[in-house]
Amino acid sequence: MGKKRFYAYKTEDREGITTSWGDCERFVKGRKALFKGFNSLDEAYEWLHSLDEKIGETKEDLSDAIFFDSGTGRTGLPEINVTDKDGKPLLEVVLDREKLTERGTLMLGRGKTNNYGELLACKLAMEVAKKLGKQKVAGDSSLVIDYWSKGRINPKTAKRSEDLGKLAGETSLLRQEFEKSGGRVVFIRGGRNPADLGFHKD
């Protein structure tokens, strides 16, 4: 029996991942589409994520949005930032000031990945938005925005990190509540993100 393959596809009106080449072919036939096969679900997710970063940026007015980011440049550990449009740190709205750095950011411990940091930053940004009565949250991780914060996470990835699986579940519930009240979580490029920590290229 051959090794399972994962086929990621993106058309003008839908995207997804399937283990059936026949299904993938049917979804993309006769359409302007991009598709590719992978050996793992994580690789397929990452490919879709990279496409979203190129073409999925919102055109909405974000002048009143809350922005989030995570980076690993200063110490090699994930560092979280949540700000307004002017880059003013806002984490102290929902966290005790003594837990934050002098820059108003939150440092995570060893064993946490930058993607985990992005997911936690997204969750905290929604908490800040709710507390301040804001309706939009924006970040530059489409993996988090389009998948993990919606609870769409590879079971194997979640199993490898129970903390990540738990955080994805909590963030998904919070996002459902946020969106039911009219909130939106949208993608922007790193270069346009005022919360960007400057530790990764646009």
C-alpha atoms as a PDB file:
ATOM      1  CA  MET A   1       0.000   0.000   0.000  1.00  0.00           C
ATOM      2  CA  GLY A   2       1.416   3.383  -1.027  1.00  0.00           C
ATOM      3  CA  LYS A   3       2.173   6.174   1.379  1.00  0.00           C
ATOM      4  CA  LYS A   4      -0.728   8.554   1.974  1.00  0.00           C
ATOM      5  CA  ARG A   5      -0.489  11.808   0.037  1.00  0.00           C
ATOM      6  CA  PHE A   6      -2.141  15.127   0.805  1.00  0.00           C
ATOM      7  CA  TYR A   7      -3.317  17.334  -2.052  1.00  0.00           C
ATOM      8  CA  ALA A   8      -3.729  21.039  -1.310  1.00  0.00           C
ATOM      9  CA  TYR A   9      -5.660  23.206  -3.735  1.00  0.00           C
ATOM     10  CA  LYS A  10      -6.805  26.801  -4.040  1.00  0.00           C
ATOM     11  CA  THR A  11      -9.268  28.230  -6.562  1.00  0.00           C
ATOM     12  CA  GLU A  12     -10.952  31.610  -6.771  1.00  0.00           C
ATOM     13  CA  ASP A  13     -13.806  30.482  -4.515  1.00  0.00           C
ATOM     14  CA  ARG A  14     -12.534  27.594  -2.406  1.00  0.00           C
ATOM     15  CA  GLU A  15      -9.459  25.989  -0.907  1.00  0.00           C
ATOM     16  CA  GLY A  16      -8.760  22.804   0.976  1.00  0.00           C
ATOM     17  CA  ILE A  17      -6.749  19.628   1.450  1.00  0.00           C
ATOM     18  CA  THR A  18      -7.772  16.124   0.409  1.00  0.00           C
ATOM     19  CA  THR A  19      -6.108  12.692   0.388  1.00  0.00           C
ATOM     20  CA  SER A  20      -7.777  11.832  -2.935  1.00  0.00           C
ATOM     21  CA  TRP A  21      -6.103  12.958  -6.157  1.00  0.00           C
ATOM     22  CA  GLY A  22      -9.400  12.320  -7.953  1.00  0.00           C
ATOM     23  CA  ASP A  23     -11.202  14.750  -5.655  1.00  0.00           C
ATOM     24  CA  CYS A  24      -8.475  17.362  -6.047  1.00  0.00           C
ATOM     25  CA  GLU A  25      -8.626  17.033  -9.833  1.00  0.00           C
ATOM     26  CA  ARG A  26     -12.404  17.426  -9.747  1.00  0.00           C
ATOM     27  CA  PHE A  27     -12.200  20.548  -7.554  1.00  0.00           C
ATOM     28  CA  VAL A  28      -9.690  22.331  -9.803  1.00  0.00           C
ATOM     29  CA  LYS A  29     -10.756  21.134 -13.266  1.00  0.00           C
ATOM     30  CA  GLY A  30     -11.763  23.952 -15.592  1.00  0.00           C
ATOM     31  CA  ARG A  31     -10.865  26.650 -13.052  1.00  0.00           C
ATOM     32  CA  LYS A  32      -8.029  29.037 -12.455  1.00  0.00           C
ATOM     33  CA  ALA A  33      -6.368  27.057  -9.690  1.00  0.00           C
ATOM     34  CA  LEU A  34      -3.197  26.186  -7.819  1.00  0.00           C
ATOM     35  CA  PHE A  35      -2.631  22.688  -6.421  1.00  0.00           C
ATOM     36  CA  LYS A  36       0.216  20.551  -5.118  1.00  0.00           C
ATOM     37  CA  GLY A  37       0.808  17.146  -3.485  1.00  0.00           C
ATOM     38  CA  PHE A  38       2.594  16.649  -0.154  1.00  0.00           C
ATOM     39  CA  ASN A  39       3.736  13.806   2.084  1.00  0.00           C
ATOM     40  CA  SER A  40       2.294  15.355   5.258  1.00  0.00           C
ATOM     41  CA  LEU A  41      -0.725  17.408   6.273  1.00  0.00           C
ATOM     42  CA  ASP A  42       1.504  20.005   7.945  1.00  0.00           C
ATOM     43  CA  GLU A  43       3.374  20.597   4.669  1.00  0.00           C
ATOM     44  CA  ALA A  44       0.063  21.039   2.846  1.00  0.00           C
ATOM     45  CA  TYR A  45      -1.149  23.550   5.456  1.00  0.00           C
ATOM     46  CA  GLU A  46       2.108  25.491   5.218  1.00  0.00           C
ATOM     47  CA  TRP A  47       1.816  25.693   1.423  1.00  0.00           C
ATOM     48  CA  LEU A  48      -1.718  27.085   1.622  1.00  0.00           C
ATOM     49  CA  HIS A  49      -0.472  29.445   4.322  1.00  0.00           C
ATOM     50  CA  SER A  50       2.266  30.748   1.995  1.00  0.00           C
ATOM     51  CA  LEU A  51      -0.297  31.391  -0.761  1.00  0.00           C
ATOM     52  CA  ASP A  52      -2.522  33.316   1.637  1.00  0.00           C
ATOM     53  CA  GLU A  53       0.412  35.517   2.610  1.00  0.00           C
ATOM     54  CA  LYS A  54       0.858  36.462  -1.051  1.00  0.00           C
ATOM     55  CA  ILE A  55      -2.756  37.039  -2.092  1.00  0.00           C
ATOM     56  CA  GLY A  56      -4.950  37.066   1.000  1.00  0.00           C
ATOM     57  CA  GLU A  57      -4.287  40.499   2.474  1.00  0.00           C
ATOM     58  CA  THR A  58      -7.370  42.407   3.553  1.00  0.00           C
ATOM     59  CA  LYS A  59      -8.309  45.696   1.880  1.00  0.00           C
ATOM     60  CA  GLU A  60     -10.391  46.772   4.890  1.00  0.00           C
ATOM     61  CA  ASP A  61      -9.912  49.979   6.856  1.00  0.00           C
ATOM     62  CA  LEU A  62      -7.875  48.960   9.909  1.00  0.00           C
ATOM     63  CA  SER A  63      -7.460  52.369  11.515  1.00  0.00           C
ATOM     64  CA  ASP A  64      -9.374  51.166  14.592  1.00  0.00           C
ATOM     65  CA  ALA A  65      -8.047  47.590  14.681  1.00  0.00           C
ATOM     66  CA  ILE A  66      -6.000  45.691  17.257  1.00  0.00           C
ATOM     67  CA  PHE A  67      -2.807  44.143  15.828  1.00  0.00           C
ATOM     68  CA  PHE A  68      -0.766  41.137  16.955  1.00  0.00           C
ATOM     69  CA  ASP A  69       2.584  39.498  16.217  1.00  0.00           C
ATOM     70  CA  SER A  70       5.109  37.026  17.592  1.00  0.00           C
ATOM     71  CA  GLY A  71       8.837  36.842  16.879  1.00  0.00           C
ATOM     72  CA  THR A  72      11.961  35.077  18.150  1.00  0.00           C
ATOM     73  CA  GLY A  73      14.739  37.527  17.321  1.00  0.00           C
ATOM     74  CA  ARG A  74      15.866  39.161  20.564  1.00  0.00           C
ATOM     75  CA  THR A  75      16.478  36.069  22.693  1.00  0.00           C
ATOM     76  CA  GLY A  76      15.548  33.099  20.513  1.00  0.00           C
ATOM     77  CA  LEU A  77      12.368  32.700  22.580  1.00  0.00           C
ATOM     78  CA  PRO A  78       8.911  33.674  21.290  1.00  0.00           C
ATOM     79  CA  GLU A  79       7.967  37.253  22.144  1.00  0.00           C
ATOM     80  CA  ILE A  80       4.355  38.450  21.780  1.00  0.00           C
ATOM     81  CA  ASN A  81       3.205  41.940  20.904  1.00  0.00           C
ATOM     82  CA  VAL A  82      -0.343  43.388  20.727  1.00  0.00           C
ATOM     83  CA  THR A  83      -0.780  47.041  19.722  1.00  0.00           C
ATOM     84  CA  ASP A  84      -3.033  49.690  18.238  1.00  0.00           C
ATOM     85  CA  LYS A  85      -2.471  51.211  14.768  1.00  0.00           C
ATOM     86  CA  ASP A  86       0.293  53.458  16.109  1.00  0.00           C
ATOM     87  CA  GLY A  87       2.252  50.584  17.659  1.00  0.00           C
ATOM     88  CA  LYS A  88       1.230  51.407  21.233  1.00  0.00           C
ATOM     89  CA  PRO A  89       1.508  48.202  23.353  1.00  0.00           C
ATOM     90  CA  LEU A  90      -1.854  47.010  24.702  1.00  0.00           C
ATOM     91  CA  LEU A  91      -1.154  43.706  26.456  1.00  0.00           C
ATOM     92  CA  GLU A  92      -1.442  45.370  29.865  1.00  0.00           C
ATOM     93  CA  VAL A  93      -5.161  45.786  29.109  1.00  0.00           C
ATOM     94  CA  VAL A  94      -5.587  42.036  29.769  1.00  0.00           C
ATOM     95  CA  LEU A  95      -2.352  40.991  31.555  1.00  0.00           C
ATOM     96  CA  ASP A  96      -0.645  42.135  34.749  1.00  0.00           C
ATOM     97  CA  ARG A  97       2.074  44.690  33.980  1.00  0.00           C
ATOM     98  CA  GLU A  98       4.682  42.754  35.970  1.00  0.00           C
ATOM     99  CA  LYS A  99       4.342  39.812  33.548  1.00  0.00           C
ATOM    100  CA  LEU A 100       5.417  42.004  30.632  1.00  0.00           C
ATOM    101  CA  THR A 101       8.775  43.298  29.446  1.00  0.00           C
ATOM    102  CA  GLU A 102       9.685  46.979  29.668  1.00  0.00           C
ATOM    103  CA  ARG A 103       8.536  47.221  26.031  1.00  0.00           C
ATOM    104  CA  GLY A 104       5.077  45.924  26.965  1.00  0.00           C
ATOM    105  CA  THR A 105       5.611  42.573  25.236  1.00  0.00           C
ATOM    106  CA  LEU A 106       5.208  39.066  26.671  1.00  0.00           C
ATOM    107  CA  MET A 107       8.111  36.583  26.604  1.00  0.00           C
ATOM    108  CA  LEU A 108       7.313  32.869  26.411  1.00  0.00           C
ATOM    109  CA  GLY A 109       9.431  30.108  27.912  1.00  0.00           C
ATOM    110  CA  ARG A 110      11.547  27.470  26.224  1.00  0.00           C
ATOM    111  CA  GLY A 111       9.689  24.733  24.395  1.00  0.00           C
ATOM    112  CA  LYS A 112       7.188  27.118  22.808  1.00  0.00           C
ATOM    113  CA  THR A 113       7.364  27.744  19.052  1.00  0.00           C
ATOM    114  CA  ASN A 114       6.847  31.017  17.239  1.00  0.00           C
ATOM    115  CA  ASN A 115       3.617  29.654  15.725  1.00  0.00           C
ATOM    116  CA  TYR A 116       2.385  28.929  19.263  1.00  0.00           C
ATOM    117  CA  GLY A 117       3.282  32.537  20.069  1.00  0.00           C
ATOM    118  CA  GLU A 118       1.280  33.788  17.075  1.00  0.00           C
ATOM    119  CA  LEU A 119      -1.760  31.802  18.213  1.00  0.00           C
ATOM    120  CA  LEU A 120      -1.523  33.093  21.789  1.00  0.00           C
ATOM    121  CA  ALA A 121      -1.023  36.628  20.453  1.00  0.00           C
ATOM    122  CA  CYS A 122      -4.185  36.257  18.353  1.00  0.00           C
ATOM    123  CA  LYS A 123      -6.149  35.104  21.413  1.00  0.00           C
ATOM    124  CA  LEU A 124      -4.858  37.971  23.547  1.00  0.00           C
ATOM    125  CA  ALA A 125      -5.563  40.475  20.754  1.00  0.00           C
ATOM    126  CA  MET A 126      -9.210  39.359  20.659  1.00  0.00           C
ATOM    127  CA  GLU A 127      -9.400  39.713  24.444  1.00  0.00           C
ATOM    128  CA  VAL A 128      -7.985  43.242  24.163  1.00  0.00           C
ATOM    129  CA  ALA A 129     -10.419  44.073  21.350  1.00  0.00           C
ATOM    130  CA  LYS A 130     -13.397  42.869  23.388  1.00  0.00           C
ATOM    131  CA  LYS A 131     -12.309  44.866  26.422  1.00  0.00           C
ATOM    132  CA  LEU A 132     -11.782  48.048  24.377  1.00  0.00           C
ATOM    133  CA  GLY A 133     -14.911  47.609  22.261  1.00  0.00           C
ATOM    134  CA  LYS A 134     -13.008  47.120  18.980  1.00  0.00           C
ATOM    135  CA  GLN A 135     -14.365  45.056  16.089  1.00  0.00           C
ATOM    136  CA  LYS A 136     -11.233  44.124  14.128  1.00  0.00           C
ATOM    137  CA  VAL A 137      -8.098  42.134  14.922  1.00  0.00           C
ATOM    138  CA  ALA A 138      -5.264  41.831  12.391  1.00  0.00           C
ATOM    139  CA  GLY A 139      -2.052  39.819  12.159  1.00  0.00           C
ATOM    140  CA  ASP A 140       0.439  38.496   9.619  1.00  0.00           C
ATOM    141  CA  SER A 141       0.147  34.737  10.262  1.00  0.00           C
ATOM    142  CA  SER A 142      -2.427  33.241   7.905  1.00  0.00           C
ATOM    143  CA  LEU A 143      -1.693  29.794   9.400  1.00  0.00           C
ATOM    144  CA  VAL A 144      -3.102  31.100  12.687  1.00  0.00           C
ATOM    145  CA  ILE A 145      -5.830  33.298  11.181  1.00  0.00           C
ATOM    146  CA  ASP A 146      -7.174  30.838   8.604  1.00  0.00           C
ATOM    147  CA  TYR A 147      -6.599  27.550  10.430  1.00  0.00           C
ATOM    148  CA  TRP A 148      -5.481  27.298  14.052  1.00  0.00           C
ATOM    149  CA  SER A 149      -7.672  30.076  15.479  1.00  0.00           C
ATOM    150  CA  LYS A 150     -10.650  28.329  13.875  1.00  0.00           C
ATOM    151  CA  GLY A 151      -9.742  25.039  15.564  1.00  0.00           C
ATOM    152  CA  ARG A 152      -8.485  23.613  12.261  1.00  0.00           C
ATOM    153  CA  ILE A 153      -5.293  21.960  13.436  1.00  0.00           C
ATOM    154  CA  ASN A 154      -3.678  18.686  12.390  1.00  0.00           C
ATOM    155  CA  PRO A 155      -4.524  16.121  15.132  1.00  0.00           C
ATOM    156  CA  LYS A 156      -0.930  14.853  15.044  1.00  0.00           C
ATOM    157  CA  THR A 157       0.388  18.378  15.586  1.00  0.00           C
ATOM    158  CA  ALA A 158      -2.041  18.897  18.476  1.00  0.00           C
ATOM    159  CA  LYS A 159      -1.083  15.536  19.970  1.00  0.00           C
ATOM    160  CA  ARG A 160       2.625  16.406  19.877  1.00  0.00           C
ATOM    161  CA  SER A 161       1.869  19.530  21.900  1.00  0.00           C
ATOM    162  CA  GLU A 162      -1.062  19.309  24.304  1.00  0.00           C
ATOM    163  CA  ASP A 163      -0.609  22.992  25.158  1.00  0.00           C
ATOM    164  CA  LEU A 164      -1.000  23.924  21.488  1.00  0.00           C
ATOM    165  CA  GLY A 165      -4.115  21.782  21.072  1.00  0.00           C
ATOM    166  CA  LYS A 166      -5.679  23.276  24.194  1.00  0.00           C
ATOM    167  CA  LEU A 167      -4.817  26.827  23.110  1.00  0.00           C
ATOM    168  CA  ALA A 168      -6.285  26.228  19.640  1.00  0.00           C
ATOM    169  CA  GLY A 169      -9.548  25.057  21.221  1.00  0.00           C
ATOM    170  CA  GLU A 170      -9.736  28.061  23.553  1.00  0.00           C
ATOM    171  CA  THR A 171      -8.897  30.497  20.750  1.00  0.00           C
ATOM    172  CA  SER A 172     -11.484  28.943  18.441  1.00  0.00           C
ATOM    173  CA  LEU A 173     -14.242  29.381  21.043  1.00  0.00           C
ATOM    174  CA  LEU A 174     -13.189  32.970  21.712  1.00  0.00           C
ATOM    175  CA  ARG A 175     -13.153  33.717  17.984  1.00  0.00           C
ATOM    176  CA  GLN A 176     -16.659  32.303  17.562  1.00  0.00           C
ATOM    177  CA  GLU A 177     -17.902  34.611  20.330  1.00  0.00           C
ATOM    178  CA  PHE A 178     -15.963  37.566  18.881  1.00  0.00           C
ATOM    179  CA  GLU A 179     -17.392  37.052  15.395  1.00  0.00           C
ATOM    180  CA  LYS A 180     -20.936  36.508  16.668  1.00  0.00           C
ATOM    181  CA  SER A 181     -20.749  39.981  18.183  1.00  0.00           C
ATOM    182  CA  GLY A 182     -19.626  41.452  14.839  1.00  0.00           C
ATOM    183  CA  GLY A 183     -15.862  41.086  15.217  1.00  0.00           C
ATOM    184  CA  ARG A 184     -13.447  40.129  12.436  1.00  0.00           C
ATOM    185  CA  VAL A 185      -9.954  38.613  12.369  1.00  0.00           C
ATOM    186  CA  VAL A 186      -8.050  39.518   9.189  1.00  0.00           C
ATOM    187  CA  PHE A 187      -4.650  39.056   7.538  1.00  0.00           C
ATOM    188  CA  ILE A 188      -2.136  41.788   6.674  1.00  0.00           C
ATOM    189  CA  ARG A 189       1.484  41.648   5.502  1.00  0.00           C
ATOM    190  CA  GLY A 190       4.198  41.895   8.144  1.00  0.00           C
ATOM    191  CA  GLY A 191       5.432  45.163   6.675  1.00  0.00           C
ATOM    192  CA  ARG A 192       2.052  46.778   7.345  1.00  0.00           C
ATOM    193  CA  ASN A 193       1.642  45.362  10.837  1.00  0.00           C
ATOM    194  CA  PRO A 194       2.327  47.988  13.560  1.00  0.00           C
ATOM    195  CA  ALA A 195       2.769  45.147  16.077  1.00  0.00           C
ATOM    196  CA  ASP A 196       5.503  43.577  13.919  1.00  0.00           C
ATOM    197  CA  LEU A 197       8.557  42.851  16.041  1.00  0.00           C
ATOM    198  CA  GLY A 198      10.897  43.086  13.060  1.00  0.00           C
ATOM    199  CA  PHE A 199      12.295  39.595  13.547  1.00  0.00           C
ATOM    200  CA  HIS A 200      11.119  38.151  10.234  1.00  0.00           C
ATOM    201  CA  LYS A 201      11.014  39.287   6.639  1.00  0.00           C
ATOM    202  CA  ASP A 202       7.802  40.559   5.074  1.00  0.00           C
END
